[in-house]
């Protein structure tokens, strides 16, 4: 999926976290990150659809010129471990939604 990006970010002033997707809104991942930074967010994790594993958050199929809010919660995002096919991956959780930001990082790497 071209130009599909996912970012986990934290807004320190308002004390809340988000998982946001963008499907076709930005040409490059850094543009998505920069736009959120301008809005006061600190970027925690970034990736395109080739890097992350969806977990509990499937890809949004429609191309939109908008942010796609996938999860939000008070406080910072939490790291956890998720087992997929016998492999433990580093995952990130916001409220009740979890995904693997980098499918190349397994539990023994961190």
N, C-alpha and C. Protein backbone atom coordinates (compact mmCIF):
# COMPACT_ATOMS: atom_id res chain seq x y z
N UNK A 1 0.86 -1.17 0.00
CA UNK A 1 0.00 0.00 0.00
C UNK A 1 0.91 1.24 0.00
N UNK A 2 0.85 2.03 -1.03
CA UNK A 2 1.72 3.20 -1.17
C UNK A 2 1.34 4.31 -0.19
N UNK A 3 2.35 4.90 0.42
CA UNK A 3 2.16 6.05 1.31
C UNK A 3 1.24 5.77 2.49
N UNK A 4 1.27 4.55 3.00
CA UNK A 4 0.52 4.24 4.22
C UNK A 4 1.49 4.30 5.39
N UNK A 5 1.24 5.23 6.30
CA UNK A 5 2.13 5.45 7.43
C UNK A 5 1.38 5.32 8.75
N UNK A 6 2.11 4.91 9.79
CA UNK A 6 1.54 4.84 11.14
C UNK A 6 2.53 5.47 12.11
N UNK A 7 2.01 6.33 12.98
CA UNK A 7 2.82 7.02 13.98
C UNK A 7 2.16 6.88 15.34
N UNK A 8 2.98 6.59 16.34
CA UNK A 8 2.55 6.66 17.73
C UNK A 8 3.19 7.92 18.29
N UNK A 9 2.39 8.76 18.93
CA UNK A 9 2.89 10.04 19.42
C UNK A 9 2.29 10.36 20.78
N UNK A 10 2.97 11.25 21.50
CA UNK A 10 2.53 11.69 22.82
C UNK A 10 2.49 13.21 22.84
N UNK A 11 1.42 13.77 23.38
CA UNK A 11 1.29 15.22 23.50
C UNK A 11 1.52 15.58 24.98
N UNK A 12 2.73 16.05 25.33
CA UNK A 12 3.06 16.29 26.75
C UNK A 12 2.22 17.39 27.41
N UNK A 13 1.84 18.41 26.69
CA UNK A 13 1.05 19.49 27.27
C UNK A 13 -0.33 19.00 27.68
N UNK A 14 -0.94 18.19 26.85
CA UNK A 14 -2.29 17.69 27.11
C UNK A 14 -2.28 16.30 27.77
N UNK A 15 -1.11 15.68 27.87
CA UNK A 15 -0.93 14.37 28.49
C UNK A 15 -1.82 13.28 27.87
N UNK A 16 -1.69 13.12 26.55
CA UNK A 16 -2.39 12.02 25.90
C UNK A 16 -1.56 11.45 24.75
N UNK A 17 -1.83 10.18 24.44
CA UNK A 17 -1.13 9.46 23.38
C UNK A 17 -2.09 9.13 22.26
N UNK A 18 -1.53 8.96 21.06
CA UNK A 18 -2.34 8.57 19.91
C UNK A 18 -1.57 7.58 19.05
N UNK A 19 -2.33 6.76 18.36
CA UNK A 19 -1.81 6.02 17.21
C UNK A 19 -2.58 6.57 16.03
N UNK A 20 -1.84 7.14 15.08
CA UNK A 20 -2.46 7.77 13.91
C UNK A 20 -1.94 7.10 12.65
N UNK A 21 -2.83 6.92 11.71
CA UNK A 21 -2.46 6.42 10.38
C UNK A 21 -2.70 7.52 9.37
N UNK A 22 -2.02 7.39 8.27
CA UNK A 22 -2.22 8.27 7.12
C UNK A 22 -2.13 7.39 5.89
N UNK A 23 -3.15 7.43 5.06
CA UNK A 23 -3.16 6.64 3.84
C UNK A 23 -3.32 7.56 2.64
N UNK A 24 -2.19 7.97 2.08
CA UNK A 24 -2.21 8.81 0.89
C UNK A 24 -2.16 10.30 1.17
N UNK A 25 -2.20 10.72 2.43
CA UNK A 25 -2.20 12.15 2.75
C UNK A 25 -0.82 12.78 2.56
N UNK A 26 0.23 12.01 2.86
CA UNK A 26 1.60 12.52 2.77
C UNK A 26 2.40 11.67 1.80
N UNK A 27 3.33 12.32 1.11
CA UNK A 27 4.20 11.59 0.18
C UNK A 27 5.31 10.86 0.93
N UNK A 28 5.81 11.47 2.00
CA UNK A 28 6.93 10.91 2.76
C UNK A 28 6.55 10.82 4.24
N UNK A 29 7.13 9.83 4.92
CA UNK A 29 6.87 9.62 6.34
C UNK A 29 7.29 10.83 7.17
N UNK A 30 8.41 11.45 6.83
CA UNK A 30 8.89 12.59 7.61
C UNK A 30 7.88 13.75 7.57
N UNK A 31 7.11 13.87 6.48
CA UNK A 31 6.12 14.94 6.39
C UNK A 31 5.01 14.74 7.42
N UNK A 32 4.59 13.50 7.60
CA UNK A 32 3.58 13.15 8.59
C UNK A 32 4.12 13.46 9.99
N UNK A 33 5.35 13.02 10.26
CA UNK A 33 5.97 13.29 11.56
C UNK A 33 6.09 14.78 11.83
N UNK A 34 6.57 15.51 10.86
CA UNK A 34 6.75 16.95 11.03
C UNK A 34 5.43 17.65 11.31
N UNK A 35 4.37 17.21 10.65
CA UNK A 35 3.06 17.83 10.86
C UNK A 35 2.58 17.61 12.30
N UNK A 36 2.80 16.42 12.84
CA UNK A 36 2.41 16.16 14.23
C UNK A 36 3.29 16.93 15.22
N UNK A 37 4.58 17.04 14.92
CA UNK A 37 5.48 17.81 15.79
C UNK A 37 5.02 19.27 15.84
N UNK A 38 4.61 19.82 14.71
CA UNK A 38 4.11 21.20 14.68
C UNK A 38 2.87 21.37 15.55
N UNK A 39 2.14 20.30 15.77
CA UNK A 39 0.93 20.34 16.60
C UNK A 39 1.24 20.06 18.07
N UNK A 40 2.54 19.93 18.42
CA UNK A 40 2.94 19.76 19.81
C UNK A 40 3.20 18.34 20.25
N UNK A 41 3.15 17.39 19.34
CA UNK A 41 3.38 15.98 19.69
C UNK A 41 4.86 15.65 19.72
N UNK A 42 5.21 14.68 20.57
CA UNK A 42 6.52 14.04 20.54
C UNK A 42 6.31 12.70 19.85
N UNK A 43 7.14 12.40 18.89
CA UNK A 43 7.01 11.18 18.12
C UNK A 43 7.67 10.03 18.88
N UNK A 44 6.93 8.94 19.05
CA UNK A 44 7.43 7.77 19.78
C UNK A 44 7.86 6.67 18.81
N UNK A 45 7.01 6.34 17.85
CA UNK A 45 7.29 5.30 16.85
C UNK A 45 6.77 5.75 15.49
N UNK A 46 7.48 5.40 14.43
CA UNK A 46 7.05 5.70 13.07
C UNK A 46 7.28 4.50 12.17
N UNK A 47 6.48 4.39 11.14
CA UNK A 47 6.71 3.32 10.18
C UNK A 47 5.75 3.38 9.03
N UNK A 48 6.13 2.68 7.96
CA UNK A 48 5.21 2.52 6.84
C UNK A 48 4.67 1.10 6.86
N UNK A 49 3.76 0.79 5.99
CA UNK A 49 3.09 -0.51 6.02
C UNK A 49 4.04 -1.68 5.75
N UNK A 50 5.24 -1.41 5.25
CA UNK A 50 6.23 -2.47 5.06
C UNK A 50 7.02 -2.76 6.33
N UNK A 51 7.00 -1.83 7.27
CA UNK A 51 7.81 -1.95 8.49
C UNK A 51 7.03 -2.53 9.67
N UNK A 52 5.79 -2.07 9.87
CA UNK A 52 5.06 -2.49 11.06
C UNK A 52 4.14 -3.67 10.78
N UNK A 53 3.80 -4.38 11.86
CA UNK A 53 2.78 -5.42 11.81
C UNK A 53 1.53 -4.85 12.43
N UNK A 54 0.40 -5.06 11.80
CA UNK A 54 -0.86 -4.43 12.17
C UNK A 54 -1.33 -4.73 13.59
N UNK A 55 -1.12 -5.93 14.07
CA UNK A 55 -1.61 -6.29 15.39
C UNK A 55 -3.12 -6.15 15.46
N UNK A 56 -3.60 -5.42 16.46
CA UNK A 56 -5.04 -5.22 16.65
C UNK A 56 -5.59 -4.04 15.85
N UNK A 57 -4.75 -3.47 14.99
CA UNK A 57 -5.16 -2.29 14.23
C UNK A 57 -4.96 -2.55 12.74
N UNK A 58 -5.97 -3.08 12.06
CA UNK A 58 -5.81 -3.36 10.63
C UNK A 58 -5.63 -2.09 9.81
N UNK A 59 -5.00 -2.25 8.65
CA UNK A 59 -4.83 -1.11 7.75
C UNK A 59 -6.19 -0.56 7.35
N UNK A 60 -6.26 0.76 7.21
CA UNK A 60 -7.47 1.42 6.75
C UNK A 60 -7.39 1.47 5.24
N UNK A 61 -8.31 0.87 4.57
CA UNK A 61 -8.21 0.64 3.12
C UNK A 61 -8.46 1.87 2.24
N UNK A 62 -9.26 2.81 2.70
CA UNK A 62 -9.58 3.98 1.88
C UNK A 62 -8.48 5.02 1.95
N UNK A 63 -8.13 5.59 0.81
CA UNK A 63 -7.18 6.70 0.80
C UNK A 63 -7.92 7.95 1.22
N UNK A 64 -7.39 8.63 2.21
CA UNK A 64 -8.01 9.85 2.71
C UNK A 64 -6.99 10.96 2.82
N UNK A 65 -7.43 12.16 2.68
CA UNK A 65 -6.57 13.32 2.88
C UNK A 65 -6.77 13.82 4.31
N UNK A 66 -6.78 12.87 5.26
CA UNK A 66 -7.03 13.17 6.66
C UNK A 66 -6.20 12.24 7.53
N UNK A 67 -6.05 12.64 8.78
CA UNK A 67 -5.48 11.72 9.77
C UNK A 67 -6.52 10.65 10.07
N UNK A 68 -6.05 9.45 10.39
CA UNK A 68 -6.94 8.37 10.79
C UNK A 68 -6.56 8.01 12.22
N UNK A 69 -7.38 8.42 13.18
CA UNK A 69 -7.10 8.15 14.59
C UNK A 69 -7.45 6.70 14.88
N UNK A 70 -6.45 5.91 15.27
CA UNK A 70 -6.66 4.49 15.52
C UNK A 70 -6.81 4.17 17.00
N UNK A 71 -6.17 5.00 17.86
CA UNK A 71 -6.29 4.81 19.32
C UNK A 71 -5.84 6.09 20.00
N UNK A 72 -6.42 6.35 21.17
CA UNK A 72 -5.98 7.47 21.98
C UNK A 72 -6.23 7.15 23.45
N UNK A 73 -5.40 7.75 24.32
CA UNK A 73 -5.53 7.49 25.75
C UNK A 73 -4.75 8.54 26.52
N UNK A 74 -5.10 8.71 27.77
CA UNK A 74 -4.34 9.58 28.67
C UNK A 74 -2.97 8.95 28.90
N UNK A 75 -1.99 9.79 29.21
CA UNK A 75 -0.62 9.37 29.55
C UNK A 75 0.17 8.88 28.33
N UNK A 76 1.36 8.36 28.59
CA UNK A 76 2.26 7.93 27.53
C UNK A 76 1.89 6.54 27.03
N UNK A 77 2.30 6.21 25.81
CA UNK A 77 2.08 4.85 25.31
C UNK A 77 2.91 3.86 26.13
N UNK A 78 2.50 2.61 26.14
CA UNK A 78 3.20 1.58 26.90
C UNK A 78 3.81 0.55 25.95
N UNK A 79 5.04 0.15 26.25
CA UNK A 79 5.66 -0.94 25.48
C UNK A 79 5.30 -2.26 26.14
N UNK A 80 5.16 -3.28 25.32
CA UNK A 80 4.82 -4.62 25.78
C UNK A 80 5.46 -5.61 24.83
N UNK A 81 5.23 -6.88 25.06
CA UNK A 81 5.71 -7.94 24.19
C UNK A 81 4.50 -8.68 23.62
N UNK A 82 4.55 -8.98 22.34
CA UNK A 82 3.48 -9.73 21.67
C UNK A 82 4.11 -10.94 20.99
N UNK A 83 3.49 -12.09 21.16
CA UNK A 83 3.97 -13.31 20.52
C UNK A 83 3.17 -13.57 19.26
N UNK A 84 3.88 -13.65 18.13
CA UNK A 84 3.26 -13.96 16.84
C UNK A 84 4.02 -15.15 16.25
N UNK A 85 3.31 -16.24 16.06
CA UNK A 85 3.90 -17.45 15.49
C UNK A 85 5.16 -17.89 16.21
N UNK A 86 5.14 -17.80 17.54
CA UNK A 86 6.27 -18.26 18.35
C UNK A 86 7.41 -17.28 18.48
N UNK A 87 7.26 -16.08 17.92
CA UNK A 87 8.31 -15.05 18.02
C UNK A 87 7.78 -13.91 18.88
N UNK A 88 8.58 -13.50 19.88
CA UNK A 88 8.20 -12.38 20.74
C UNK A 88 8.71 -11.08 20.15
N UNK A 89 7.78 -10.16 19.87
CA UNK A 89 8.10 -8.86 19.28
C UNK A 89 7.89 -7.74 20.29
N UNK A 90 8.67 -6.69 20.14
CA UNK A 90 8.45 -5.46 20.89
C UNK A 90 7.21 -4.80 20.28
N UNK A 91 6.23 -4.49 21.11
CA UNK A 91 4.99 -3.89 20.63
C UNK A 91 4.69 -2.64 21.45
N UNK A 92 3.79 -1.83 20.94
CA UNK A 92 3.38 -0.61 21.64
C UNK A 92 1.87 -0.63 21.80
N UNK A 93 1.42 -0.12 22.94
CA UNK A 93 0.00 -0.16 23.29
C UNK A 93 -0.47 1.23 23.69
N UNK A 94 -1.61 1.61 23.11
CA UNK A 94 -2.32 2.82 23.50
C UNK A 94 -3.74 2.39 23.82
N UNK A 95 -4.10 2.58 25.07
CA UNK A 95 -5.39 2.12 25.60
C UNK A 95 -5.52 0.62 25.37
N UNK A 96 -6.43 0.19 24.53
CA UNK A 96 -6.63 -1.25 24.31
C UNK A 96 -6.19 -1.70 22.92
N UNK A 97 -5.36 -0.90 22.24
CA UNK A 97 -4.90 -1.24 20.90
C UNK A 97 -3.38 -1.42 20.89
N UNK A 98 -2.94 -2.53 20.30
CA UNK A 98 -1.52 -2.87 20.25
C UNK A 98 -1.12 -3.18 18.82
N UNK A 99 0.09 -2.76 18.45
CA UNK A 99 0.67 -3.16 17.17
C UNK A 99 2.18 -3.25 17.32
N UNK A 100 2.83 -3.85 16.36
CA UNK A 100 4.29 -4.02 16.37
C UNK A 100 4.87 -2.98 15.42
N UNK A 101 5.56 -1.96 15.97
CA UNK A 101 6.05 -0.88 15.12
C UNK A 101 7.17 -1.26 14.16
N UNK A 102 7.94 -2.30 14.51
CA UNK A 102 9.02 -2.72 13.63
C UNK A 102 9.13 -4.25 13.68
N UNK A 103 8.70 -4.90 12.61
CA UNK A 103 8.69 -6.36 12.60
C UNK A 103 10.08 -6.97 12.63
N UNK A 104 11.12 -6.15 12.52
CA UNK A 104 12.49 -6.64 12.58
C UNK A 104 13.08 -6.61 13.98
N UNK A 105 12.34 -6.08 14.95
CA UNK A 105 12.84 -6.02 16.32
C UNK A 105 12.11 -7.08 17.14
N UNK A 106 12.86 -8.07 17.57
CA UNK A 106 12.28 -9.10 18.41
C UNK A 106 12.71 -8.88 19.84
N UNK A 107 12.07 -9.58 20.78
CA UNK A 107 12.26 -9.35 22.21
C UNK A 107 13.73 -9.36 22.62
N UNK A 108 14.54 -10.24 22.07
CA UNK A 108 15.95 -10.33 22.48
C UNK A 108 16.77 -9.13 22.03
N UNK A 109 16.23 -8.30 21.12
CA UNK A 109 16.95 -7.13 20.61
C UNK A 109 16.86 -5.90 21.49
N UNK A 110 15.95 -5.91 22.48
CA UNK A 110 15.81 -4.72 23.31
C UNK A 110 15.93 -5.04 24.76
